[in-house]
Protein backbone atom coordinates (compact mmCIF):
# COMPACT_ATOMS: atom_id res chain seq x y z
CA MET A 1 232.92 -226.85 -39.56
CA SER A 2 232.59 -223.06 -40.74
CA THR A 3 229.67 -221.35 -42.01
CA ARG A 4 230.59 -221.58 -45.63
CA ASN A 5 231.08 -225.39 -45.76
CA CYS A 6 227.99 -226.22 -44.10
CA LEU A 7 226.36 -224.26 -47.04
CA VAL A 8 227.79 -225.28 -49.60
CA ILE A 9 227.04 -228.82 -48.16
CA LEU A 10 223.61 -227.40 -47.52
CA GLY A 11 223.38 -226.25 -51.31
CA LEU A 12 224.53 -229.73 -52.87
CA LEU A 13 221.82 -231.29 -50.28
CA VAL A 14 219.46 -229.56 -52.32
CA LEU A 15 220.41 -229.41 -55.17
CA GLY A 16 220.89 -233.07 -55.26
CA SER A 17 217.47 -233.89 -53.79
CA ARG A 18 215.81 -232.30 -56.20
CA GLY A 19 217.64 -233.65 -59.31
CA GLY A 20 215.48 -236.64 -58.65
CA LEU A 21 212.39 -235.07 -59.13
CA ALA A 22 213.64 -232.95 -61.92
CA GLN A 23 214.32 -236.33 -63.33
CA GLU A 24 210.98 -238.14 -62.74
CA ALA A 25 209.57 -235.14 -63.93
CA GLY A 26 211.68 -234.41 -66.62
CA VAL A 27 210.89 -238.48 -68.13
CA ASN A 28 210.23 -238.56 -72.03
CA ARG A 29 207.28 -240.78 -72.69
CA VAL A 30 206.82 -240.00 -76.06
CA ALA A 31 210.28 -239.89 -77.57
CA GLY A 32 210.57 -243.59 -78.29
CA ALA A 33 206.67 -243.96 -78.84
CA LYS A 34 206.08 -246.26 -82.21
CA GLY A 35 202.45 -246.36 -82.41
CA LEU A 36 199.35 -244.28 -80.59
CA LYS A 37 195.84 -245.33 -79.56
CA CYS A 38 193.98 -242.04 -78.64
CA VAL A 39 190.90 -241.03 -77.61
CA PHE A 40 189.33 -237.30 -77.37
CA GLN A 41 186.25 -236.80 -75.13
CA LEU A 42 185.64 -233.22 -75.69
CA VAL A 43 185.65 -231.00 -78.33
CA ALA A 44 185.22 -227.19 -79.06
CA ILE A 45 183.91 -226.34 -82.62
CA GLY A 46 184.41 -222.65 -83.73
CA THR A 47 182.27 -220.39 -86.00
CA TRP A 48 181.62 -217.02 -86.92
CA SER A 49 178.38 -215.24 -86.73
CA ASN A 50 177.63 -211.48 -87.35
CA GLY A 51 181.43 -210.60 -87.90
CA SER A 52 181.88 -212.36 -83.95
CA ALA A 53 183.83 -215.81 -83.71
CA HIS A 54 182.63 -217.79 -81.33
CA ALA A 55 182.35 -221.51 -80.00
CA ASP A 56 180.77 -224.32 -79.14
CA VAL A 57 182.43 -227.42 -76.51
CA LYS A 58 180.55 -230.46 -76.17
CA PRO A 59 180.97 -234.44 -75.01
CA SER A 60 183.19 -236.42 -78.37
CA GLU A 61 184.39 -239.71 -78.82
CA LEU A 62 186.94 -239.28 -81.72
CA ARG A 63 189.39 -242.10 -82.10
CA VAL A 64 192.62 -241.45 -83.64
CA VAL A 65 195.68 -244.74 -84.30
CA PHE A 66 198.57 -243.25 -85.03
CA ASN A 67 201.42 -245.68 -86.46
CA SER A 68 204.88 -246.60 -87.71
CA ILE A 69 206.45 -243.27 -85.83
CA ASN A 70 209.55 -241.91 -86.55
CA THR A 71 211.18 -239.02 -85.32
CA ASP A 72 214.72 -239.21 -87.28
CA GLU A 73 212.99 -239.63 -90.33
CA GLY A 74 209.75 -237.16 -89.28
CA THR A 75 206.97 -239.91 -90.59
CA ALA A 76 204.35 -241.78 -89.11
CA GLY A 77 200.99 -243.29 -90.30
CA SER A 78 197.39 -241.99 -88.96
CA VAL A 79 194.70 -244.74 -89.18
CA GLY A 80 191.11 -242.36 -88.63
CA GLN A 81 187.54 -242.19 -90.36
CA PHE A 82 189.17 -242.11 -93.81
CA GLY A 83 191.77 -244.88 -93.92
CA ARG A 84 195.30 -244.48 -93.37
CA SER A 85 197.72 -241.73 -93.91
CA ASP A 86 201.29 -240.72 -94.18
CA ILE A 87 202.07 -237.54 -91.95
CA ILE A 88 204.52 -235.72 -90.59
CA ALA A 89 205.82 -236.79 -86.75
CA LYS A 90 208.34 -233.85 -85.03
CA LEU A 91 209.13 -234.25 -81.50
CA SER A 92 210.04 -231.50 -79.78
CA GLY A 93 211.50 -231.65 -76.04
CA ASN A 94 208.65 -233.66 -74.53
CA ILE A 95 205.94 -233.30 -76.86
CA LEU A 96 205.09 -235.02 -80.29
CA HIS A 97 203.54 -233.13 -82.99
CA LEU A 98 201.82 -235.02 -85.24
CA ILE A 99 200.73 -233.28 -88.59
CA GLU A 100 198.32 -234.21 -91.52
CA SER A 101 198.74 -231.80 -94.65
CA PHE A 102 195.81 -232.64 -96.96
CA ARG A 103 196.24 -231.63 -100.96
CA ASP A 104 192.66 -229.62 -101.04
CA GLY A 105 193.38 -227.53 -97.86
CA PRO A 106 192.55 -229.03 -94.06
CA VAL A 107 195.88 -229.55 -91.69
CA TYR A 108 195.35 -231.59 -88.62
CA MET A 109 197.58 -231.74 -85.91
CA THR A 110 197.67 -233.80 -82.92
CA THR A 111 200.07 -233.53 -79.86
CA VAL A 112 200.83 -235.86 -77.13
CA PHE A 113 202.41 -234.29 -74.32
CA SER A 114 204.64 -236.21 -71.72
CA ALA A 115 202.53 -235.64 -69.09
CA GLU A 116 199.94 -238.02 -67.86
CA SER A 117 196.50 -237.73 -67.43
CA ARG A 118 195.92 -240.07 -65.23
CA PRO A 119 198.55 -243.88 -64.73
CA GLY A 120 199.33 -244.78 -68.85
CA LYS A 121 197.43 -242.31 -70.41
CA LEU A 122 199.35 -238.82 -71.67
CA LYS A 123 197.55 -235.19 -72.06
CA ALA A 124 196.68 -234.64 -76.08
CA VAL A 125 195.35 -232.02 -78.10
CA HIS A 126 193.58 -232.87 -81.65
CA THR A 127 193.11 -229.52 -83.78
CA ARG A 128 191.23 -229.29 -87.09
CA HIS A 129 191.73 -226.28 -89.14
CA GLU A 130 189.25 -226.82 -92.06
CA TYR A 131 186.73 -224.60 -93.00
CA THR A 132 183.51 -225.39 -95.74
CA ASP A 133 180.02 -222.82 -96.12
CA VAL A 134 177.53 -226.14 -96.35
CA SER A 135 177.94 -228.18 -92.71
CA VAL A 136 177.84 -232.22 -93.32
CA PRO A 137 177.24 -234.56 -90.50
CA GLY A 138 179.93 -236.63 -90.00
CA PHE A 139 182.20 -234.32 -91.68
CA THR A 140 184.45 -231.17 -90.59
CA SER A 141 183.00 -227.96 -91.52
CA SER A 142 184.50 -225.71 -88.44
CA PRO A 143 188.11 -224.99 -86.86
CA GLU A 144 187.21 -228.06 -84.18
CA GLN A 145 189.51 -228.80 -80.65
CA TYR A 146 189.90 -231.88 -79.08
CA TYR A 147 191.03 -232.70 -75.71
CA GLY A 148 191.25 -236.39 -74.40
CA GLU A 149 194.43 -238.65 -73.73
CA CYS A 150 196.55 -241.55 -75.78
CA GLU A 151 198.38 -244.42 -75.04
CA VAL A 152 201.63 -245.57 -76.08
CA SER A 153 201.68 -248.74 -78.42
CA GLU A 154 203.95 -251.19 -79.63
CA ARG A 155 203.33 -250.04 -82.83
């Protein structure tokens, strides 16, 4: 067998072995999701003081549920502390963005990655773009970014 043939066979073996890994790494766990149950255990809250921005990071127990996800139509429902809302669902590759835009200004966005944080749980980020001069306990008054995970559900 010639050196050229050996190199071709070796190249095919290497490419073939990587194909299985690429497929496993490329599994799109969010593409067909109809519902998500999310828990965010950490929050970074942004503030400004004397012209400088800074963030405080602390534990959180924010829970958000998404249902009726239809990425073909770009729609979904969100169930949060204020009830149900109709939101935008945007599938971008292996990432699902769920966007809620309120009439009075704030925008909330949850991004769910196809990568698992642990078996059955997908890495997720929830961001709240909101600001008020007065802080009211239990309500968002400054920009917040939550870190956690979501579980795909059937609804």
